[in-house]
Structures are given as structure tokens and as C-alpha cells.
Amino acid sequence: MTAGRSMQAGTTGAGEPQAPGNPQAPGNPQAPGNPQAPGNPQAPGNPDEPVALVVDAEGLVCPWPVLKARKALNTLAAGAVIEVIATDPASYIDIPAFCDTGGHVLLDQRRDGPRFVYRVRKGAGD
């Protein structure tokens, strides 16, 4: 800290309030441009999006769930949604990483007993 300056609790170094009070603050789910902001039709987890294809990757281990997801997405137009069902625990890391690197959107990721279920929206890049 420099002499004569103090930082108030709950502010950023620039003196602006952090989330949730500041809609522009990094990490605020209400921030404009945040894909998870309420009311955003592109927000992950939109339950009204129809699933174009279900990919059954049960019993397959890394890298096969990702390879099957990629193959399925390659047959669809940008914006289409697939559901991937896998039993490999590594898929809980692999599918989100695949989405990040491939420009796809992970809409939902959940565990259903021994199965891992993912909903993925195809990005415009493929």
C-alpha cells in the first residue's frame, strides 16, 4: 500500500465494489456478457433445448467418450445439442476440457448413479 491510500473492505484495488453489488465486477453472474447470466438464451443449462443426438459411451474408457462425442458433433450443425452418457470417471474431466478446447458449450454435467451425463452445444468453430 502506498502512503496516504487505504483500500476499503469489499472493494477492488480500483476502489469499485466487487460482486455482487457491482454488475460489471468480474465473477458476477449478473455481469453483461456472462453466458450464465439469467435470461441469456445461450446460458448453459437451458432445459428447453432439444437434444439432437444421444451418444452412448457407457463402458468405454478414455479417450473413447470424447472421440464419440466429437464424431457425433461433426455430423451436426453449429448450435445443435448432444447428450453424452458415459461411465468412465475420467469423462468428468475430459468432456469439459474437450468443450473448452473445441469451442463447444457444456450445458449440463451431472452424475446419475454410475453414469455421467453431459449436454453439449456444438460451437461454430467445427
N, C-alpha and C. Protein backbone atom coordinates (compact mmCIF):
# COMPACT_ATOMS: atom_id res chain seq x y z
N MET A 1 0.85 -1.18 0.00
CA MET A 1 0.00 0.00 0.00
C MET A 1 0.89 1.24 0.00
N THR A 2 0.48 2.23 -0.71
CA THR A 2 1.24 3.47 -0.71
C THR A 2 0.77 4.36 0.42
N ALA A 3 1.62 5.27 0.85
CA ALA A 3 1.27 6.16 1.94
C ALA A 3 0.10 7.04 1.53
N GLY A 4 -0.84 7.21 2.45
CA GLY A 4 -1.97 8.08 2.18
C GLY A 4 -3.12 7.40 1.47
N ARG A 5 -2.96 6.16 1.03
CA ARG A 5 -4.04 5.44 0.37
C ARG A 5 -4.41 4.24 1.20
N SER A 6 -5.67 4.02 1.34
CA SER A 6 -6.12 2.82 2.02
C SER A 6 -7.17 2.16 1.15
N MET A 7 -7.28 0.87 1.28
CA MET A 7 -8.24 0.13 0.49
C MET A 7 -9.40 -0.24 1.40
N GLN A 8 -10.60 0.10 1.00
CA GLN A 8 -11.77 -0.24 1.78
C GLN A 8 -12.07 -1.72 1.62
N ALA A 9 -12.59 -2.30 2.68
CA ALA A 9 -13.01 -3.70 2.60
C ALA A 9 -14.12 -3.83 1.58
N GLY A 10 -14.07 -4.91 0.80
CA GLY A 10 -15.12 -5.16 -0.19
C GLY A 10 -14.96 -4.38 -1.47
N THR A 11 -13.77 -3.85 -1.73
CA THR A 11 -13.54 -3.15 -2.98
C THR A 11 -12.39 -3.78 -3.73
N THR A 12 -12.31 -3.49 -4.99
CA THR A 12 -11.16 -3.92 -5.78
C THR A 12 -10.07 -2.88 -5.58
N GLY A 13 -8.92 -3.10 -6.11
CA GLY A 13 -7.83 -2.14 -6.00
C GLY A 13 -8.19 -0.79 -6.59
N ALA A 14 -9.14 -0.76 -7.52
CA ALA A 14 -9.54 0.49 -8.15
C ALA A 14 -10.61 1.19 -7.32
N GLY A 15 -11.01 0.61 -6.19
CA GLY A 15 -12.00 1.22 -5.32
C GLY A 15 -13.43 0.94 -5.73
N GLU A 16 -13.65 0.05 -6.71
CA GLU A 16 -15.00 -0.27 -7.12
C GLU A 16 -15.48 -1.50 -6.37
N PRO A 17 -16.75 -1.52 -6.01
CA PRO A 17 -17.27 -2.67 -5.27
C PRO A 17 -17.13 -3.96 -6.07
N GLN A 18 -16.84 -5.04 -5.37
CA GLN A 18 -16.77 -6.34 -6.01
C GLN A 18 -18.18 -6.91 -6.15
N ALA A 19 -18.31 -8.01 -6.87
CA ALA A 19 -19.60 -8.69 -7.00
C ALA A 19 -20.10 -9.02 -5.59
N PRO A 20 -21.36 -9.02 -5.27
CA PRO A 20 -22.49 -8.92 -6.16
C PRO A 20 -23.01 -7.52 -6.38
N GLY A 21 -22.54 -6.51 -5.66
CA GLY A 21 -23.08 -5.16 -5.78
C GLY A 21 -22.79 -4.49 -7.11
N ASN A 22 -21.68 -4.83 -7.76
CA ASN A 22 -21.29 -4.18 -9.00
C ASN A 22 -21.57 -5.13 -10.16
N PRO A 23 -22.51 -4.77 -11.05
CA PRO A 23 -22.83 -5.69 -12.15
C PRO A 23 -21.69 -5.85 -13.14
N GLN A 24 -20.70 -4.97 -13.12
CA GLN A 24 -19.57 -5.07 -14.02
C GLN A 24 -18.41 -5.85 -13.42
N ALA A 25 -18.49 -6.20 -12.13
CA ALA A 25 -17.38 -6.84 -11.44
C ALA A 25 -17.11 -8.23 -12.00
N PRO A 26 -15.83 -8.60 -12.14
CA PRO A 26 -15.50 -9.95 -12.62
C PRO A 26 -16.09 -11.00 -11.69
N GLY A 27 -16.60 -12.05 -12.28
CA GLY A 27 -17.14 -13.15 -11.48
C GLY A 27 -18.59 -12.96 -11.09
N ASN A 28 -19.18 -11.81 -11.39
CA ASN A 28 -20.57 -11.59 -11.03
C ASN A 28 -21.46 -12.28 -12.06
N PRO A 29 -22.33 -13.20 -11.61
CA PRO A 29 -23.18 -13.91 -12.57
C PRO A 29 -24.17 -13.00 -13.27
N GLN A 30 -24.38 -11.79 -12.77
CA GLN A 30 -25.29 -10.85 -13.41
C GLN A 30 -24.58 -9.97 -14.43
N ALA A 31 -23.24 -10.07 -14.55
CA ALA A 31 -22.48 -9.19 -15.41
C ALA A 31 -22.89 -9.35 -16.87
N PRO A 32 -23.02 -8.23 -17.58
CA PRO A 32 -23.34 -8.32 -19.01
C PRO A 32 -22.26 -9.13 -19.74
N GLY A 33 -22.70 -9.94 -20.67
CA GLY A 33 -21.76 -10.75 -21.43
C GLY A 33 -21.46 -12.09 -20.78
N ASN A 34 -21.89 -12.27 -19.54
CA ASN A 34 -21.67 -13.55 -18.87
C ASN A 34 -22.64 -14.56 -19.46
N PRO A 35 -22.14 -15.66 -20.05
CA PRO A 35 -23.05 -16.62 -20.68
C PRO A 35 -23.98 -17.29 -19.69
N GLN A 36 -23.70 -17.17 -18.39
CA GLN A 36 -24.56 -17.78 -17.40
C GLN A 36 -25.55 -16.79 -16.79
N ALA A 37 -25.56 -15.55 -17.28
CA ALA A 37 -26.45 -14.54 -16.75
C ALA A 37 -27.90 -14.96 -16.97
N PRO A 38 -28.76 -14.71 -15.99
CA PRO A 38 -30.18 -15.07 -16.14
C PRO A 38 -30.79 -14.41 -17.36
N GLY A 39 -31.63 -15.15 -18.05
CA GLY A 39 -32.30 -14.62 -19.23
C GLY A 39 -31.51 -14.75 -20.52
N ASN A 40 -30.26 -15.21 -20.44
CA ASN A 40 -29.45 -15.38 -21.63
C ASN A 40 -29.85 -16.70 -22.29
N PRO A 41 -30.39 -16.67 -23.53
CA PRO A 41 -30.82 -17.92 -24.17
C PRO A 41 -29.66 -18.86 -24.47
N GLN A 42 -28.43 -18.34 -24.46
CA GLN A 42 -27.26 -19.17 -24.71
C GLN A 42 -26.69 -19.70 -23.40
N ALA A 43 -27.34 -19.43 -22.28
CA ALA A 43 -26.82 -19.81 -20.97
C ALA A 43 -26.75 -21.33 -20.84
N PRO A 44 -25.66 -21.84 -20.27
CA PRO A 44 -25.58 -23.26 -20.00
C PRO A 44 -26.73 -23.71 -19.12
N GLY A 45 -27.21 -24.91 -19.39
CA GLY A 45 -28.25 -25.47 -18.55
C GLY A 45 -29.66 -25.13 -19.00
N ASN A 46 -29.84 -24.50 -20.18
CA ASN A 46 -31.18 -24.18 -20.65
C ASN A 46 -31.93 -25.49 -20.90
N PRO A 47 -32.94 -25.80 -20.05
CA PRO A 47 -33.61 -27.10 -20.15
C PRO A 47 -34.52 -27.24 -21.36
N ASP A 48 -34.81 -26.15 -22.07
CA ASP A 48 -35.72 -26.21 -23.20
C ASP A 48 -35.05 -26.59 -24.51
N GLU A 49 -33.73 -26.68 -24.51
CA GLU A 49 -33.04 -27.02 -25.74
C GLU A 49 -33.22 -28.50 -26.07
N PRO A 50 -33.72 -28.80 -27.26
CA PRO A 50 -33.89 -30.21 -27.63
C PRO A 50 -32.54 -30.87 -27.91
N VAL A 51 -32.47 -32.13 -27.60
CA VAL A 51 -31.25 -32.92 -27.84
C VAL A 51 -31.37 -33.54 -29.23
N ALA A 52 -30.40 -33.24 -30.10
CA ALA A 52 -30.42 -33.76 -31.47
C ALA A 52 -29.96 -35.20 -31.55
N LEU A 53 -29.06 -35.59 -30.63
CA LEU A 53 -28.44 -36.90 -30.71
C LEU A 53 -27.98 -37.33 -29.33
N VAL A 54 -28.17 -38.61 -29.00
CA VAL A 54 -27.67 -39.17 -27.76
C VAL A 54 -26.48 -40.07 -28.09
N VAL A 55 -25.37 -39.82 -27.42
CA VAL A 55 -24.14 -40.58 -27.63
C VAL A 55 -23.97 -41.54 -26.47
N ASP A 56 -24.04 -42.83 -26.75
CA ASP A 56 -23.88 -43.85 -25.71
C ASP A 56 -22.41 -44.26 -25.64
N ALA A 57 -21.74 -43.81 -24.59
CA ALA A 57 -20.33 -44.15 -24.39
C ALA A 57 -20.16 -44.98 -23.11
N GLU A 58 -21.23 -45.62 -22.70
CA GLU A 58 -21.15 -46.45 -21.49
C GLU A 58 -20.20 -47.62 -21.72
N GLY A 59 -19.37 -47.89 -20.72
CA GLY A 59 -18.42 -48.99 -20.80
C GLY A 59 -17.13 -48.64 -21.52
N LEU A 60 -17.06 -47.46 -22.10
CA LEU A 60 -15.85 -47.05 -22.82
C LEU A 60 -14.97 -46.20 -21.91
N VAL A 61 -13.67 -46.31 -22.07
CA VAL A 61 -12.73 -45.53 -21.26
C VAL A 61 -12.02 -44.51 -22.15
N CYS A 62 -11.36 -43.58 -21.51
CA CYS A 62 -10.62 -42.51 -22.16
C CYS A 62 -9.70 -43.11 -23.24
N PRO A 63 -9.74 -42.56 -24.42
CA PRO A 63 -10.34 -41.32 -24.91
C PRO A 63 -11.66 -41.51 -25.64
N TRP A 64 -12.24 -42.70 -25.60
CA TRP A 64 -13.39 -43.02 -26.44
C TRP A 64 -14.64 -42.18 -26.21
N PRO A 65 -15.03 -41.82 -24.98
CA PRO A 65 -16.21 -40.94 -24.84
C PRO A 65 -16.04 -39.61 -25.58
N VAL A 66 -14.86 -39.02 -25.51
CA VAL A 66 -14.60 -37.76 -26.20
C VAL A 66 -14.59 -37.98 -27.71
N LEU A 67 -13.98 -39.05 -28.17
CA LEU A 67 -13.93 -39.32 -29.61
C LEU A 67 -15.33 -39.54 -30.18
N LYS A 68 -16.17 -40.25 -29.43
CA LYS A 68 -17.54 -40.47 -29.89
C LYS A 68 -18.34 -39.16 -29.90
N ALA A 69 -18.10 -38.31 -28.89
CA ALA A 69 -18.77 -37.01 -28.84
C ALA A 69 -18.34 -36.15 -30.04
N ARG A 70 -17.05 -36.14 -30.32
CA ARG A 70 -16.53 -35.36 -31.46
C ARG A 70 -17.14 -35.85 -32.77
N LYS A 71 -17.19 -37.15 -32.95
CA LYS A 71 -17.74 -37.72 -34.18
C LYS A 71 -19.22 -37.33 -34.33
N ALA A 72 -19.96 -37.39 -33.23
CA ALA A 72 -21.38 -37.02 -33.28
C ALA A 72 -21.54 -35.54 -33.62
N LEU A 73 -20.75 -34.67 -32.98
CA LEU A 73 -20.85 -33.24 -33.25
C LEU A 73 -20.48 -32.91 -34.68
N ASN A 74 -19.56 -33.65 -35.27
CA ASN A 74 -19.15 -33.40 -36.65
C ASN A 74 -20.28 -33.64 -37.65
N THR A 75 -21.30 -34.39 -37.26
CA THR A 75 -22.43 -34.67 -38.15
C THR A 75 -23.53 -33.63 -38.03
N LEU A 76 -23.40 -32.69 -37.09
CA LEU A 76 -24.47 -31.75 -36.79
C LEU A 76 -24.06 -30.31 -37.11
N ALA A 77 -25.07 -29.47 -37.26
CA ALA A 77 -24.85 -28.04 -37.49
C ALA A 77 -24.49 -27.35 -36.18
N ALA A 78 -23.83 -26.20 -36.29
CA ALA A 78 -23.50 -25.40 -35.11
C ALA A 78 -24.79 -25.07 -34.36
N GLY A 79 -24.71 -25.15 -33.04
CA GLY A 79 -25.86 -24.86 -32.19
C GLY A 79 -26.64 -26.10 -31.78
N ALA A 80 -26.41 -27.22 -32.46
CA ALA A 80 -27.10 -28.46 -32.11
C ALA A 80 -26.60 -28.97 -30.76
N VAL A 81 -27.47 -29.69 -30.07
CA VAL A 81 -27.15 -30.20 -28.74
C VAL A 81 -27.10 -31.72 -28.76
N ILE A 82 -26.05 -32.27 -28.15
CA ILE A 82 -25.97 -33.72 -27.97
C ILE A 82 -25.96 -34.03 -26.49
N GLU A 83 -26.35 -35.24 -26.18
CA GLU A 83 -26.24 -35.75 -24.81
C GLU A 83 -25.27 -36.92 -24.85
N VAL A 84 -24.28 -36.88 -23.99
CA VAL A 84 -23.28 -37.94 -23.91
C VAL A 84 -23.48 -38.66 -22.60
N ILE A 85 -23.58 -39.99 -22.66
CA ILE A 85 -23.72 -40.82 -21.47
C ILE A 85 -22.49 -41.69 -21.38
N ALA A 86 -21.76 -41.55 -20.27
CA ALA A 86 -20.51 -42.30 -20.08
C ALA A 86 -20.46 -42.89 -18.68
N THR A 87 -19.62 -43.89 -18.52
CA THR A 87 -19.40 -44.48 -17.19
C THR A 87 -17.97 -44.29 -16.72
N ASP A 88 -17.10 -43.81 -17.57
CA ASP A 88 -15.70 -43.58 -17.22
C ASP A 88 -15.59 -42.33 -16.34
N PRO A 89 -15.10 -42.47 -15.10
CA PRO A 89 -14.97 -41.30 -14.22
C PRO A 89 -14.08 -40.21 -14.81
N ALA A 90 -13.14 -40.56 -15.66
CA ALA A 90 -12.27 -39.56 -16.29
C ALA A 90 -13.05 -38.64 -17.23
N SER A 91 -14.22 -39.08 -17.67
CA SER A 91 -15.02 -38.24 -18.57
C SER A 91 -15.46 -36.96 -17.88
N TYR A 92 -15.51 -36.96 -16.55
CA TYR A 92 -15.92 -35.77 -15.80
C TYR A 92 -14.90 -34.65 -15.97
N ILE A 93 -13.70 -34.99 -16.35
CA ILE A 93 -12.66 -34.01 -16.65
C ILE A 93 -12.52 -33.86 -18.17
N ASP A 94 -12.57 -34.98 -18.88
CA ASP A 94 -12.31 -34.99 -20.32
C ASP A 94 -13.36 -34.25 -21.15
N ILE A 95 -14.64 -34.45 -20.86
CA ILE A 95 -15.70 -33.82 -21.67
C ILE A 95 -15.67 -32.29 -21.51
N PRO A 96 -15.59 -31.76 -20.28
CA PRO A 96 -15.48 -30.30 -20.17
C PRO A 96 -14.23 -29.74 -20.86
N ALA A 97 -13.11 -30.44 -20.76
CA ALA A 97 -11.88 -29.99 -21.42
C ALA A 97 -12.05 -30.01 -22.94
N PHE A 98 -12.70 -31.04 -23.44
CA PHE A 98 -12.98 -31.13 -24.88
C PHE A 98 -13.85 -29.95 -25.33
N CYS A 99 -14.85 -29.61 -24.53
CA CYS A 99 -15.71 -28.48 -24.87
C CYS A 99 -14.92 -27.18 -24.90
N ASP A 100 -14.09 -26.97 -23.89
CA ASP A 100 -13.28 -25.74 -23.82
C ASP A 100 -12.34 -25.61 -25.01
N THR A 101 -11.64 -26.67 -25.33
CA THR A 101 -10.66 -26.59 -26.41
C THR A 101 -11.31 -26.62 -27.79
N GLY A 102 -12.48 -27.21 -27.90
CA GLY A 102 -13.14 -27.33 -29.19
C GLY A 102 -14.13 -26.23 -29.50
N GLY A 103 -14.33 -25.30 -28.55
CA GLY A 103 -15.26 -24.20 -28.79
C GLY A 103 -16.71 -24.58 -28.62
N HIS A 104 -16.97 -25.66 -27.90
CA HIS A 104 -18.34 -26.10 -27.64
C HIS A 104 -18.77 -25.62 -26.26
N VAL A 105 -20.06 -25.68 -25.98
CA VAL A 105 -20.59 -25.23 -24.69
C VAL A 105 -21.11 -26.42 -23.92
N LEU A 106 -20.58 -26.61 -22.72
CA LEU A 106 -21.08 -27.65 -21.82
C LEU A 106 -22.31 -27.09 -21.13
N LEU A 107 -23.49 -27.55 -21.53
CA LEU A 107 -24.74 -27.04 -20.99
C LEU A 107 -25.04 -27.61 -19.61
N ASP A 108 -24.70 -28.88 -19.43
CA ASP A 108 -25.05 -29.55 -18.19
C ASP A 108 -24.11 -30.73 -17.99
N GLN A 109 -23.79 -30.99 -16.75
CA GLN A 109 -22.92 -32.11 -16.40
C GLN A 109 -23.46 -32.64 -15.07
N ARG A 110 -23.85 -33.91 -15.05
CA ARG A 110 -24.39 -34.47 -13.80
C ARG A 110 -24.08 -35.95 -13.70
N ARG A 111 -24.20 -36.44 -12.51
CA ARG A 111 -23.99 -37.86 -12.27
C ARG A 111 -25.33 -38.51 -12.00
N ASP A 112 -25.57 -39.64 -12.63
CA ASP A 112 -26.81 -40.38 -12.46
C ASP A 112 -26.43 -41.81 -12.12
N GLY A 113 -26.22 -42.07 -10.81
CA GLY A 113 -25.73 -43.39 -10.38
C GLY A 113 -24.32 -43.60 -10.91
N PRO A 114 -24.08 -44.70 -11.62
CA PRO A 114 -22.74 -44.95 -12.17
C PRO A 114 -22.49 -44.22 -13.49
N ARG A 115 -23.50 -43.53 -13.98
CA ARG A 115 -23.38 -42.85 -15.28
C ARG A 115 -23.11 -41.37 -15.11
N PHE A 116 -22.36 -40.82 -16.05
CA PHE A 116 -22.12 -39.39 -16.14
C PHE A 116 -22.86 -38.92 -17.39
N VAL A 117 -23.66 -37.89 -17.24
CA VAL A 117 -24.48 -37.41 -18.35
C VAL A 117 -24.09 -35.96 -18.65
N TYR A 118 -23.82 -35.67 -19.91
CA TYR A 118 -23.39 -34.35 -20.36
C TYR A 118 -24.29 -33.89 -21.49
N ARG A 119 -24.62 -32.61 -21.48
CA ARG A 119 -25.30 -31.99 -22.62
C ARG A 119 -24.35 -30.95 -23.18
N VAL A 120 -24.07 -31.06 -24.48
CA VAL A 120 -23.07 -30.23 -25.14
C VAL A 120 -23.71 -29.56 -26.36
N ARG A 121 -23.54 -28.23 -26.48
CA ARG A 121 -23.97 -27.50 -27.65
C ARG A 121 -22.77 -27.30 -28.56
N LYS A 122 -22.94 -27.67 -29.83
CA LYS A 122 -21.83 -27.54 -30.79
C LYS A 122 -21.54 -26.07 -31.05
N GLY A 123 -20.25 -25.74 -31.00
CA GLY A 123 -19.80 -24.39 -31.28
C GLY A 123 -19.74 -24.14 -32.77
N ALA A 124 -19.51 -22.90 -33.14
CA ALA A 124 -19.47 -22.50 -34.54
C ALA A 124 -18.16 -22.89 -35.22
N GLY A 125 -17.14 -23.22 -34.42
CA GLY A 125 -15.82 -23.50 -34.98
C GLY A 125 -15.70 -24.77 -35.77
N ASP A 126 -16.49 -25.77 -35.48
CA ASP A 126 -16.37 -27.05 -36.20
C ASP A 126 -17.30 -27.14 -37.36
